[in-house]
PDB file of N, CA and C in Angstrom:
ATOM      1  N   UNK A   1     157.608  80.300 194.837  1.00  0.00           N
ATOM      2  CA  UNK A   1     157.979  81.348 193.777  1.00  0.00           C
ATOM      3  C   UNK A   1     157.861  80.160 192.459  1.00  0.00           C
ATOM      4  N   UNK A   2     158.348  78.667 192.644  1.00  0.00           N
ATOM      5  CA  UNK A   2     158.216  78.347 191.445  1.00  0.00           C
ATOM      6  C   UNK A   2     156.675  77.917 190.624  1.00  0.00           C
ATOM      7  N   UNK A   3     155.788  77.979 191.459  1.00  0.00           N
ATOM      8  CA  UNK A   3     154.273  77.686 191.086  1.00  0.00           C
ATOM      9  C   UNK A   3     154.043  79.150 190.450  1.00  0.00           C
ATOM     10  N   UNK A   4     154.603  80.041 190.705  1.00  0.00           N
ATOM     11  CA  UNK A   4     154.404  81.193 190.251  1.00  0.00           C
ATOM     12  C   UNK A   4     154.772  81.300 188.659  1.00  0.00           C
ATOM     13  N   UNK A   5     156.041  80.793 188.863  1.00  0.00           N
ATOM     14  CA  UNK A   5     157.041  80.786 187.333  1.00  0.00           C
ATOM     15  C   UNK A   5     156.141  79.894 186.580  1.00  0.00           C
ATOM     16  N   UNK A   6     155.711  78.528 187.074  1.00  0.00           N
ATOM     17  CA  UNK A   6     155.205  77.550 186.346  1.00  0.00           C
ATOM     18  C   UNK A   6     153.844  78.137 185.573  1.00  0.00           C
ATOM     19  N   UNK A   7     153.217  78.733 186.232  1.00  0.00           N
ATOM     20  CA  UNK A   7     151.782  79.430 185.781  1.00  0.00           C
ATOM     21  C   UNK A   7     152.236  80.526 184.471  1.00  0.00           C
ATOM     22  N   UNK A   8     153.445  81.228 184.803  1.00  0.00           N
ATOM     23  CA  UNK A   8     153.847  82.306 183.603  1.00  0.00           C
ATOM     24  C   UNK A   8     154.279  81.155 182.369  1.00  0.00           C
ATOM     25  N   UNK A   9     155.079  80.104 182.619  1.00  0.00           N
ATOM     26  CA  UNK A   9     155.609  79.144 181.349  1.00  0.00           C
ATOM     27  C   UNK A   9     154.423  78.763 180.790  1.00  0.00           C
ATOM     28  N   UNK A  10     153.258  78.271 181.299  1.00  0.00           N
ATOM     29  CA  UNK A  10     152.098  77.782 180.783  1.00  0.00           C
ATOM     30  C   UNK A  10     150.912  79.059 180.328  1.00  0.00           C
ATOM     31  N   UNK A  11     151.974  79.880 179.544  1.00  0.00           N
ATOM     32  CA  UNK A  11     151.523  81.360 179.337  1.00  0.00           C
ATOM     33  C   UNK A  11     149.834  81.457 178.934  1.00  0.00           C
ATOM     34  N   UNK A  12     149.643  80.414 177.583  1.00  0.00           N
ATOM     35  CA  UNK A  12     148.262  80.306 176.912  1.00  0.00           C
ATOM     36  C   UNK A  12     147.871  79.105 176.701  1.00  0.00           C
ATOM     37  N   UNK A  13     148.127  78.198 177.907  1.00  0.00           N
ATOM     38  CA  UNK A  13     147.816  76.781 178.022  1.00  0.00           C
ATOM     39  C   UNK A  13     146.344  77.029 178.574  1.00  0.00           C
ATOM     40  N   UNK A  14     145.307  76.443 177.700  1.00  0.00           N
ATOM     41  CA  UNK A  14     143.983  76.687 178.462  1.00  0.00           C
ATOM     42  C   UNK A  14     143.427  74.954 178.697  1.00  0.00           C
ATOM     43  N   UNK A  15     144.473  74.057 178.366  1.00  0.00           N
ATOM     44  CA  UNK A  15     143.472  72.551 178.426  1.00  0.00           C
ATOM     45  C   UNK A  15     144.867  72.166 179.554  1.00  0.00           C
ATOM     46  N   UNK A  16     144.108  70.970 180.006  1.00  0.00           N
ATOM     47  CA  UNK A  16     145.089  70.305 181.072  1.00  0.00           C
ATOM     48  C   UNK A  16     144.375  70.822 182.590  1.00  0.00           C
ATOM     49  N   UNK A  17     145.050  70.527 183.540  1.00  0.00           N
ATOM     50  CA  UNK A  17     144.437  70.847 185.020  1.00  0.00           C
ATOM     51  C   UNK A  17     145.489  71.338 185.904  1.00  0.00           C
ATOM     52  N   UNK A  18     145.281  72.341 186.729  1.00  0.00           N
ATOM     53  CA  UNK A  18     146.343  73.041 187.778  1.00  0.00           C
ATOM     54  C   UNK A  18     145.506  72.688 189.065  1.00  0.00           C
ATOM     55  N   UNK A  19     146.717  72.422 189.758  1.00  0.00           N
ATOM     56  CA  UNK A  19     146.499  71.984 191.017  1.00  0.00           C
ATOM     57  C   UNK A  19     145.867  73.618 192.180  1.00  0.00           C
ATOM     58  N   UNK A  20     145.063  73.448 193.050  1.00  0.00           N
ATOM     59  CA  UNK A  20     144.972  74.622 193.761  1.00  0.00           C
ATOM     60  C   UNK A  20     145.997  75.423 194.628  1.00  0.00           C
ATOM     61  N   UNK A  21     147.314  74.936 194.822  1.00  0.00           N
ATOM     62  CA  UNK A  21     148.492  75.602 195.022  1.00  0.00           C
ATOM     63  C   UNK A  21     148.781  76.253 194.018  1.00  0.00           C
ATOM     64  N   UNK A  22     149.106  75.927 192.576  1.00  0.00           N
ATOM     65  CA  UNK A  22     149.463  76.740 191.600  1.00  0.00           C
ATOM     66  C   UNK A  22     148.479  77.866 191.389  1.00  0.00           C
ATOM     67  N   UNK A  23     147.317  77.888 191.166  1.00  0.00           N
ATOM     68  CA  UNK A  23     146.440  78.816 191.200  1.00  0.00           C
ATOM     69  C   UNK A  23     146.797  79.693 192.566  1.00  0.00           C
ATOM     70  N   UNK A  24     146.360  79.378 193.492  1.00  0.00           N
ATOM     71  CA  UNK A  24     146.507  80.147 194.473  1.00  0.00           C
ATOM     72  C   UNK A  24     148.081  80.899 195.043  1.00  0.00           C
ATOM     73  N   UNK A  25     148.980  80.193 194.426  1.00  0.00           N
ATOM     74  CA  UNK A  25     150.289  80.945 194.888  1.00  0.00           C
ATOM     75  C   UNK A  25     150.579  82.050 193.779  1.00  0.00           C
ATOM     76  N   UNK A  26     150.244  81.777 192.170  1.00  0.00           N
ATOM     77  CA  UNK A  26     149.911  82.746 191.552  1.00  0.00           C
ATOM     78  C   UNK A  26     149.041  84.012 191.870  1.00  0.00           C
ATOM     79  N   UNK A  27     148.045  83.640 192.122  1.00  0.00           N
ATOM     80  CA  UNK A  27     146.788  84.884 192.641  1.00  0.00           C
ATOM     81  C   UNK A  27     147.785  85.446 193.793  1.00  0.00           C
ATOM     82  N   UNK A  28     148.215  84.788 194.717  1.00  0.00           N
ATOM     83  CA  UNK A  28     148.814  85.498 195.961  1.00  0.00           C
ATOM     84  C   UNK A  28     150.231  86.431 195.420  1.00  0.00           C
ATOM     85  N   UNK A  29     151.070  85.705 194.657  1.00  0.00           N
ATOM     86  CA  UNK A  29     152.209  86.971 194.157  1.00  0.00           C
ATOM     87  C   UNK A  29     151.832  87.794 193.284  1.00  0.00           C
ATOM     88  N   UNK A  30     150.845  87.601 192.300  1.00  0.00           N
ATOM     89  CA  UNK A  30     150.538  88.745 191.396  1.00  0.00           C
ATOM     90  C   UNK A  30     149.905  89.558 192.224  1.00  0.00           C
ATOM     91  N   UNK A  31     148.952  89.305 193.204  1.00  0.00           N
ATOM     92  CA  UNK A  31     148.548  90.222 194.196  1.00  0.00           C
ATOM     93  C   UNK A  31     149.349  91.331 194.912  1.00  0.00           C
ATOM     94  N   UNK A  32     150.261  90.662 195.338  1.00  0.00           N
ATOM     95  CA  UNK A  32     151.530  91.119 195.994  1.00  0.00           C
ATOM     96  C   UNK A  32     152.058  92.448 195.217  1.00  0.00           C
ATOM     97  N   UNK A  33     152.236  92.002 193.801  1.00  0.00           N
ATOM     98  CA  UNK A  33     153.186  92.764 192.942  1.00  0.00           C
ATOM     99  C   UNK A  33     152.288  93.748 192.552  1.00  0.00           C
ATOM    100  N   UNK A  34     151.076  93.584 192.340  1.00  0.00           N
ATOM    101  CA  UNK A  34     150.103  94.943 191.821  1.00  0.00           C
ATOM    102  C   UNK A  34     150.159  95.477 193.014  1.00  0.00           C
ATOM    103  N   UNK A  35     150.070  95.278 194.126  1.00  0.00           N
ATOM    104  CA  UNK A  35     150.066  96.191 195.504  1.00  0.00           C
ATOM    105  C   UNK A  35     151.441  96.889 195.420  1.00  0.00           C
ATOM    106  N   UNK A  36     152.434  96.481 195.366  1.00  0.00           N
ATOM    107  CA  UNK A  36     153.964  96.995 195.121  1.00  0.00           C
ATOM    108  C   UNK A  36     153.920  97.771 194.283  1.00  0.00           C
ATOM    109  N   UNK A  37     153.619  97.844 193.066  1.00  0.00           N
ATOM    110  CA  UNK A  37     153.322  98.313 192.145  1.00  0.00           C
ATOM    111  C   UNK A  37     152.600  99.842 192.108  1.00  0.00           C
ATOM    112  N   UNK A  38     151.245  99.204 192.777  1.00  0.00           N
ATOM    113  CA  UNK A  38     150.327 100.325 193.088  1.00  0.00           C
ATOM    114  C   UNK A  38     151.203 101.409 194.031  1.00  0.00           C
ATOM    115  N   UNK A  39     151.589 100.780 195.038  1.00  0.00           N
ATOM    116  CA  UNK A  39     152.531 101.547 196.105  1.00  0.00           C
ATOM    117  C   UNK A  39     153.435 102.710 195.066  1.00  0.00           C
ATOM    118  N   UNK A  40     154.353 102.170 194.484  1.00  0.00           N
ATOM    119  CA  UNK A  40     155.208 103.155 193.956  1.00  0.00           C
ATOM    120  C   UNK A  40     154.635 103.686 192.669  1.00  0.00           C
ATOM    121  N   UNK A  41     153.500 103.317 192.119  1.00  0.00           N
ATOM    122  CA  UNK A  41     153.123 104.522 191.541  1.00  0.00           C
ATOM    123  C   UNK A  41     152.059 105.608 192.328  1.00  0.00           C
ATOM    124  N   UNK A  42     151.682 105.293 193.283  1.00  0.00           N
ATOM    125  CA  UNK A  42     151.317 106.410 193.956  1.00  0.00           C
ATOM    126  C   UNK A  42     152.405 107.445 194.991  1.00  0.00           C
ATOM    127  N   UNK A  43     153.633 106.598 195.458  1.00  0.00           N
ATOM    128  CA  UNK A  43     154.837 107.240 195.443  1.00  0.00           C
ATOM    129  C   UNK A  43     155.247 108.465 194.377  1.00  0.00           C
ATOM    130  N   UNK A  44     155.266 107.706 193.128  1.00  0.00           N
ATOM    131  CA  UNK A  44     155.499 108.661 191.939  1.00  0.00           C
ATOM    132  C   UNK A  44     154.642 109.359 191.585  1.00  0.00           C
ATOM    133  N   UNK A  45     153.528 109.749 192.249  1.00  0.00           N
ATOM    134  CA  UNK A  45     152.232 110.295 191.701  1.00  0.00           C
ATOM    135  C   UNK A  45     151.824 110.030 190.459  1.00  0.00           C
ATOM    136  N   UNK A  46     152.211 108.514 189.867  1.00  0.00           N
ATOM    137  CA  UNK A  46     151.514 108.537 188.662  1.00  0.00           C
ATOM    138  C   UNK A  46     149.581 108.040 189.094  1.00  0.00           C
ATOM    139  N   UNK A  47     148.880 108.812 188.179  1.00  0.00           N
ATOM    140  CA  UNK A  47     147.631 108.800 188.262  1.00  0.00           C
ATOM    141  C   UNK A  47     147.054 108.685 186.769  1.00  0.00           C
ATOM    142  N   UNK A  48     146.551 107.904 186.513  1.00  0.00           N
ATOM    143  CA  UNK A  48     146.078 106.522 186.840  1.00  0.00           C
ATOM    144  C   UNK A  48     147.393 105.875 187.030  1.00  0.00           C
ATOM    145  N   UNK A  49     147.436 104.474 187.535  1.00  0.00           N
ATOM    146  CA  UNK A  49     148.255 103.849 188.154  1.00  0.00           C
ATOM    147  C   UNK A  49     149.091 103.360 187.098  1.00  0.00           C
ATOM    148  N   UNK A  50     150.013 103.670 186.219  1.00  0.00           N
ATOM    149  CA  UNK A  50     150.710 103.237 185.124  1.00  0.00           C
ATOM    150  C   UNK A  50     151.534 101.739 185.072  1.00  0.00           C
ATOM    151  N   UNK A  51     152.403 101.493 186.384  1.00  0.00           N
ATOM    152  CA  UNK A  51     153.111 100.145 186.661  1.00  0.00           C
ATOM    153  C   UNK A  51     152.357  98.937 186.698  1.00  0.00           C
ATOM    154  N   UNK A  52     151.445  99.577 187.597  1.00  0.00           N
ATOM    155  CA  UNK A  52     150.221  98.084 187.938  1.00  0.00           C
ATOM    156  C   UNK A  52     149.428  97.939 186.857  1.00  0.00           C
ATOM    157  N   UNK A  53     148.930  99.121 186.391  1.00  0.00           N
ATOM    158  CA  UNK A  53     148.105  98.457 185.089  1.00  0.00           C
ATOM    159  C   UNK A  53     148.845  97.853 183.929  1.00  0.00           C
ATOM    160  N   UNK A  54     150.276  98.047 183.461  1.00  0.00           N
ATOM    161  CA  UNK A  54     150.704  97.544 182.881  1.00  0.00           C
ATOM    162  C   UNK A  54     151.331  95.993 183.272  1.00  0.00           C
ATOM    163  N   UNK A  55     151.617  95.844 184.690  1.00  0.00           N
ATOM    164  CA  UNK A  55     151.623  94.372 184.951  1.00  0.00           C
ATOM    165  C   UNK A  55     150.344  93.686 184.822  1.00  0.00           C
ATOM    166  N   UNK A  56     149.190  94.171 185.169  1.00  0.00           N
ATOM    167  CA  UNK A  56     148.189  93.507 185.060  1.00  0.00           C
ATOM    168  C   UNK A  56     147.847  93.206 183.651  1.00  0.00           C
ATOM    169  N   UNK A  57     147.910  93.700 183.039  1.00  0.00           N
ATOM    170  CA  UNK A  57     147.812  93.374 181.262  1.00  0.00           C
ATOM    171  C   UNK A  57     148.768  92.392 180.910  1.00  0.00           C
ATOM    172  N   UNK A  58     150.035  92.494 181.592  1.00  0.00           N
ATOM    173  CA  UNK A  58     151.046  91.435 180.895  1.00  0.00           C
ATOM    174  C   UNK A  58     150.403  90.050 181.784  1.00  0.00           C
ATOM    175  N   UNK A  59     149.994  89.993 182.679  1.00  0.00           N
ATOM    176  CA  UNK A  59     149.316  88.646 183.361  1.00  0.00           C
ATOM    177  C   UNK A  59     148.005  88.533 183.465  1.00  0.00           C
ATOM    178  N   UNK A  60     147.394  89.007 182.328  1.00  0.00           N
ATOM    179  CA  UNK A  60     145.980  89.185 182.370  1.00  0.00           C
ATOM    180  C   UNK A  60     145.825  87.378 181.624  1.00  0.00           C
ATOM    181  N   UNK A  61     146.359  87.203 180.351  1.00  0.00           N
ATOM    182  CA  UNK A  61     146.158  86.101 179.715  1.00  0.00           C
ATOM    183  C   UNK A  61     146.424  84.515 180.482  1.00  0.00           C
ATOM    184  N   UNK A  62     147.930  84.855 181.456  1.00  0.00           N
ATOM    185  CA  UNK A  62     148.459  83.972 182.164  1.00  0.00           C
ATOM    186  C   UNK A  62     147.287  83.375 183.438  1.00  0.00           C
ATOM    187  N   UNK A  63     146.815  84.649 183.913  1.00  0.00           N
ATOM    188  CA  UNK A  63     145.726  84.495 184.944  1.00  0.00           C
ATOM    189  C   UNK A  63     144.453  83.750 184.516  1.00  0.00           C
ATOM    190  N   UNK A  64     144.048  84.192 183.262  1.00  0.00           N
ATOM    191  CA  UNK A  64     142.802  83.525 182.701  1.00  0.00           C
ATOM    192  C   UNK A  64     143.267  81.992 182.432  1.00  0.00           C
ATOM    193  N   UNK A  65     144.126  81.752 181.868  1.00  0.00           N
ATOM    194  CA  UNK A  65     144.802  80.458 181.792  1.00  0.00           C
ATOM    195  C   UNK A  65     144.754  79.392 182.926  1.00  0.00           C
ATOM    196  N   UNK A  66     145.309  80.266 184.136  1.00  0.00           N
ATOM    197  CA  UNK A  66     145.254  79.234 185.250  1.00  0.00           C
ATOM    198  C   UNK A  66     143.918  79.048 185.970  1.00  0.00           C
ATOM    199  N   UNK A  67     143.116  79.819 185.943  1.00  0.00           N
ATOM    200  CA  UNK A  67     142.045  80.018 186.326  1.00  0.00           C
ATOM    201  C   UNK A  67     141.239  78.741 185.726  1.00  0.00           C
ATOM    202  N   UNK A  68     141.299  78.531 184.121  1.00  0.00           N
ATOM    203  CA  UNK A  68     140.587  77.861 183.418  1.00  0.00           C
ATOM    204  C   UNK A  68     140.982  76.722 183.619  1.00  0.00           C
ATOM    205  N   UNK A  69     142.217  76.380 183.598  1.00  0.00           N
ATOM    206  CA  UNK A  69     142.983  75.017 184.524  1.00  0.00           C
ATOM    207  C   UNK A  69     142.396  74.639 185.619  1.00  0.00           C
ATOM    208  N   UNK A  70     142.224  75.225 186.388  1.00  0.00           N
ATOM    209  CA  UNK A  70     142.022  75.235 187.851  1.00  0.00           C
ATOM    210  C   UNK A  70     140.410  74.722 187.564  1.00  0.00           C
ATOM    211  N   UNK A  71     139.477  75.265 187.117  1.00  0.00           N
ATOM    212  CA  UNK A  71     138.159  74.894 186.903  1.00  0.00           C
ATOM    213  C   UNK A  71     138.319  73.282 186.265  1.00  0.00           C
ATOM    214  N   UNK A  72     139.299  73.187 185.459  1.00  0.00           N
ATOM    215  CA  UNK A  72     139.412  71.800 184.843  1.00  0.00           C
ATOM    216  C   UNK A  72     139.546  70.934 185.850  1.00  0.00           C
ATOM    217  N   UNK A  73     140.329  71.281 186.880  1.00  0.00           N
ATOM    218  CA  UNK A  73     140.561  70.216 188.055  1.00  0.00           C
ATOM    219  C   UNK A  73     139.664  69.829 188.557  1.00  0.00           C
ATOM    220  N   UNK A  74     138.395  70.752 188.828  1.00  0.00           N
ATOM    221  CA  UNK A  74     137.111  70.640 189.615  1.00  0.00           C
ATOM    222  C   UNK A  74     136.257  69.837 188.667  1.00  0.00           C
ATOM    223  N   UNK A  75     136.554  69.574 187.096  1.00  0.00           N
ATOM    224  CA  UNK A  75     136.113  68.708 186.180  1.00  0.00           C
ATOM    225  C   UNK A  75     134.501  69.681 185.736  1.00  0.00           C
ATOM    226  N   UNK A  76     135.100  70.772 185.625  1.00  0.00           N
ATOM    227  CA  UNK A  76     134.305  71.833 184.790  1.00  0.00           C
ATOM    228  C   UNK A  76     134.676  72.456 183.840  1.00  0.00           C
ATOM    229  N   UNK A  77     134.019  73.036 183.133  1.00  0.00           N
ATOM    230  CA  UNK A  77     134.354  73.761 181.816  1.00  0.00           C
ATOM    231  C   UNK A  77     135.093  74.847 181.727  1.00  0.00           C
ATOM    232  N   UNK A  78     136.045  75.550 181.317  1.00  0.00           N
ATOM    233  CA  UNK A  78     136.636  76.804 181.488  1.00  0.00           C
ATOM    234  C   UNK A  78     135.709  78.018 181.489  1.00  0.00           C
ATOM    235  N   UNK A  79     134.453  77.683 180.395  1.00  0.00           N
ATOM    236  CA  UNK A  79     133.347  78.866 180.509  1.00  0.00           C
ATOM    237  C   UNK A  79     132.643  79.039 182.021  1.00  0.00           C
ATOM    238  N   UNK A  80     133.221  78.580 182.674  1.00  0.00           N
ATOM    239  CA  UNK A  80     132.107  78.569 184.194  1.00  0.00           C
ATOM    240  C   UNK A  80     133.208  79.695 184.832  1.00  0.00           C
ATOM    241  N   UNK A  81     133.897  80.174 183.940  1.00  0.00           N
ATOM    242  CA  UNK A  81     134.634  81.673 184.590  1.00  0.00           C
ATOM    243  C   UNK A  81     133.929  82.496 184.210  1.00  0.00           C
ATOM    244  N   UNK A  82     132.981  82.901 183.262  1.00  0.00           N
ATOM    245  CA  UNK A  82     131.999  83.720 182.591  1.00  0.00           C
ATOM    246  C   UNK A  82     131.320  84.281 183.787  1.00  0.00           C
ATOM    247  N   UNK A  83     130.844  83.169 185.020  1.00  0.00           N
ATOM    248  CA  UNK A  83     129.925  83.417 186.112  1.00  0.00           C
ATOM    249  C   UNK A  83     130.385  84.524 186.970  1.00  0.00           C
ATOM    250  N   UNK A  84     131.811  84.612 186.801  1.00  0.00           N
ATOM    251  CA  UNK A  84     132.269  85.878 187.809  1.00  0.00           C
ATOM    252  C   UNK A  84     131.761  87.217 187.255  1.00  0.00           C
ATOM    253  N   UNK A  85     131.030  87.251 185.734  1.00  0.00           N
ATOM    254  CA  UNK A  85     130.556  88.386 185.424  1.00  0.00           C
ATOM    255  C   UNK A  85     128.906  88.894 186.304  1.00  0.00           C
ATOM    256  N   UNK A  86     128.495  87.888 186.597  1.00  0.00           N
ATOM    257  CA  UNK A  86     127.430  88.008 187.327  1.00  0.00           C
ATOM    258  C   UNK A  86     127.719  88.826 189.065  1.00  0.00           C
ATOM    259  N   UNK A  87     127.216  90.068 189.330  1.00  0.00           N
ATOM    260  CA  UNK A  87     127.686  90.564 190.329  1.00  0.00           C
ATOM    261  C   UNK A  87     127.474  89.890 191.569  1.00  0.00           C
ATOM    262  N   UNK A  88     128.279  90.231 192.261  1.00  0.00           N
ATOM    263  CA  UNK A  88     128.445  89.241 193.812  1.00  0.00           C
ATOM    264  C   UNK A  88     128.140  87.912 193.799  1.00  0.00           C
ATOM    265  N   UNK A  89     127.445  87.567 193.376  1.00  0.00           N
ATOM    266  CA  UNK A  89     126.950  85.565 193.605  1.00  0.00           C
ATOM    267  C   UNK A  89     127.937  85.184 192.517  1.00  0.00           C
ATOM    268  N   UNK A  90     128.222  85.808 191.471  1.00  0.00           N
ATOM    269  CA  UNK A  90     129.511  85.112 190.518  1.00  0.00           C
ATOM    270  C   UNK A  90     130.673  84.908 191.166  1.00  0.00           C
ATOM    271  N   UNK A  91     131.302  85.875 191.353  1.00  0.00           N
ATOM    272  CA  UNK A  91     132.424  86.115 191.921  1.00  0.00           C
ATOM    273  C   UNK A  91     132.468  84.914 193.480  1.00  0.00           C
ATOM    274  N   UNK A  92     131.248  84.950 194.307  1.00  0.00           N
ATOM    275  CA  UNK A  92     131.269  83.654 195.247  1.00  0.00           C
ATOM    276  C   UNK A  92     131.235  82.393 194.676  1.00  0.00           C
ATOM    277  N   UNK A  93     130.589  82.105 193.619  1.00  0.00           N
ATOM    278  CA  UNK A  93     130.530  80.988 193.301  1.00  0.00           C
ATOM    279  C   UNK A  93     131.813  80.374 192.718  1.00  0.00           C
ATOM    280  N   UNK A  94     132.579  81.518 191.910  1.00  0.00           N
ATOM    281  CA  UNK A  94     133.803  80.970 191.068  1.00  0.00           C
ATOM    282  C   UNK A  94     134.663  80.670 192.397  1.00  0.00           C
ATOM    283  N   UNK A  95     134.816  81.739 193.725  1.00  0.00           N
ATOM    284  CA  UNK A  95     135.384  81.735 194.662  1.00  0.00           C
ATOM    285  C   UNK A  95     135.264  79.866 195.466  1.00  0.00           C
ATOM    286  N   UNK A  96     134.251  79.293 195.514  1.00  0.00           N
ATOM    287  CA  UNK A  96     134.068  78.271 196.029  1.00  0.00           C
ATOM    288  C   UNK A  96     134.699  77.169 195.171  1.00  0.00           C
ATOM    289  N   UNK A  97     134.657  77.651 194.070  1.00  0.00           N
ATOM    290  CA  UNK A  97     135.067  76.669 192.676  1.00  0.00           C
ATOM    291  C   UNK A  97     136.354  76.416 193.017  1.00  0.00           C
ATOM    292  N   UNK A  98     137.369  77.504 193.268  1.00  0.00           N
ATOM    293  CA  UNK A  98     138.799  77.623 193.410  1.00  0.00           C
ATOM    294  C   UNK A  98     139.406  76.994 194.506  1.00  0.00           C
ATOM    295  N   UNK A  99     138.347  76.991 195.752  1.00  0.00           N
ATOM    296  CA  UNK A  99     138.519  76.580 196.907  1.00  0.00           C
ATOM    297  C   UNK A  99     138.525  75.087 197.018  1.00  0.00           C
ATOM    298  N   UNK A 100     137.607  74.522 196.408  1.00  0.00           N
ATOM    299  CA  UNK A 100     137.107  72.986 196.369  1.00  0.00           C
ATOM    300  C   UNK A 100     138.406  72.300 195.989  1.00  0.00           C
ATOM    301  N   UNK A 101     138.551  70.912 196.171  1.00  0.00           N
ATOM    302  CA  UNK A 101     139.640  70.203 195.818  1.00  0.00           C
ATOM    303  C   UNK A 101     139.556  69.844 194.556  1.00  0.00           C
ATOM    304  N   UNK A 102     140.190  69.149 193.738  1.00  0.00           N
ATOM    305  CA  UNK A 102     139.926  68.925 192.383  1.00  0.00           C
ATOM    306  C   UNK A 102     139.717  67.094 192.303  1.00  0.00           C
ATOM    307  N   UNK A 103     139.406  66.698 191.329  1.00  0.00           N
ATOM    308  CA  UNK A 103     138.910  65.249 191.255  1.00  0.00           C
ATOM    309  C   UNK A 103     140.104  64.544 191.346  1.00  0.00           C
ATOM    310  N   UNK A 104     140.262  63.443 192.114  1.00  0.00           N
ATOM    311  CA  UNK A 104     141.787  62.914 192.258  1.00  0.00           C
ATOM    312  C   UNK A 104     141.841  61.582 191.185  1.00  0.00           C
ATOM    313  N   UNK A 105     141.066  61.683 190.171  1.00  0.00           N
ATOM    314  CA  UNK A 105     141.027  60.518 189.368  1.00  0.00           C
ATOM    315  C   UNK A 105     141.432  61.430 187.991  1.00  0.00           C
ATOM    316  N   UNK A 106     141.844  60.728 186.907  1.00  0.00           N
ATOM    317  CA  UNK A 106     141.714  61.226 185.551  1.00  0.00           C
ATOM    318  C   UNK A 106     140.104  61.730 185.150  1.00  0.00           C
ATOM    319  N   UNK A 107     140.020  63.004 184.632  1.00  0.00           N
ATOM    320  CA  UNK A 107     138.748  63.658 184.104  1.00  0.00           C
ATOM    321  C   UNK A 107     138.733  63.791 182.581  1.00  0.00           C
ATOM    322  N   UNK A 108     137.877  64.307 181.865  1.00  0.00           N
ATOM    323  CA  UNK A 108     138.034  64.374 180.359  1.00  0.00           C
ATOM    324  C   UNK A 108     138.936  65.501 180.382  1.00  0.00           C
ATOM    325  N   UNK A 109     139.846  66.431 181.303  1.00  0.00           N
ATOM    326  CA  UNK A 109     140.695  67.523 180.747  1.00  0.00           C
ATOM    327  C   UNK A 109     142.031  67.149 181.189  1.00  0.00           C
ATOM    328  N   UNK A 110     142.283  65.733 181.714  1.00  0.00           N
ATOM    329  CA  UNK A 110     143.727  65.169 181.598  1.00  0.00           C
ATOM    330  C   UNK A 110     143.585  64.124 183.197  1.00  0.00           C
ATOM    331  N   UNK A 111     145.030  64.241 183.309  1.00  0.00           N
ATOM    332  CA  UNK A 111     145.166  63.460 184.601  1.00  0.00           C
ATOM    333  C   UNK A 111     145.371  64.133 185.764  1.00  0.00           C
ATOM    334  N   UNK A 112     145.273  63.565 187.079  1.00  0.00           N
ATOM    335  CA  UNK A 112     145.357  64.356 188.198  1.00  0.00           C
ATOM    336  C   UNK A 112     146.666  64.932 188.413  1.00  0.00           C
ATOM    337  N   UNK A 113     146.558  66.487 188.316  1.00  0.00           N
ATOM    338  CA  UNK A 113     147.847  67.073 188.501  1.00  0.00           C
ATOM    339  C   UNK A 113     149.000  66.816 189.828  1.00  0.00           C
ATOM    340  N   UNK A 114     148.301  66.350 190.773  1.00  0.00           N
ATOM    341  CA  UNK A 114     149.326  65.789 191.707  1.00  0.00           C
ATOM    342  C   UNK A 114     149.626  64.348 191.371  1.00  0.00           C
ATOM    343  N   UNK A 115     149.094  63.853 190.650  1.00  0.00           N
ATOM    344  CA  UNK A 115     149.806  62.721 190.348  1.00  0.00           C
ATOM    345  C   UNK A 115     149.717  61.443 191.331  1.00  0.00           C
ATOM    346  N   UNK A 116     148.988  61.601 192.463  1.00  0.00           N
ATOM    347  CA  UNK A 116     148.691  60.778 193.548  1.00  0.00           C
ATOM    348  C   UNK A 116     147.172  60.065 193.224  1.00  0.00           C
ATOM    349  N   UNK A 117     146.490  60.238 192.076  1.00  0.00           N
ATOM    350  CA  UNK A 117     145.171  59.747 191.734  1.00  0.00           C
ATOM    351  C   UNK A 117     144.787  58.267 191.600  1.00  0.00           C
ATOM    352  N   UNK A 118     143.807  57.735 191.676  1.00  0.00           N
ATOM    353  CA  UNK A 118     143.577  56.441 191.974  1.00  0.00           C
ATOM    354  C   UNK A 118     143.600  55.988 190.197  1.00  0.00           C
ATOM    355  N   UNK A 119     144.063  55.041 190.141  1.00  0.00           N
ATOM    356  CA  UNK A 119     144.586  54.378 188.631  1.00  0.00           C
ATOM    357  C   UNK A 119     143.173  53.779 188.445  1.00  0.00           C
ATOM    358  N   UNK A 120     142.558  54.050 187.190  1.00  0.00           N
ATOM    359  CA  UNK A 120     141.316  53.610 186.369  1.00  0.00           C
ATOM    360  C   UNK A 120     141.909  52.768 185.306  1.00  0.00           C
TER     361      UNK A 120
END
């Protein structure tokens, strides 16, 4: 849960790097919250699903920011996020980028977020 809170605290910070753990915990908890709110919307008869839409809008900027920082950890520009607009292939490529490990040494976006990198 601390990784989720950490990503929310960096609400609109698009520079720096984020570990895989921070990205995936944020994504997992956000997905669970959206699912829970979607279920609540269904039980209350809300159509369109109002509660989950409000939550999704509230975490849109932090989700983009943590994704950009994750791309930075793999030594890629945040603009690579736009590849997700390409149907199917773009989302698959972005998924691969999110799954691969970050660069263990300092890169142009900052030091290794794990703090265990090779000293240069």
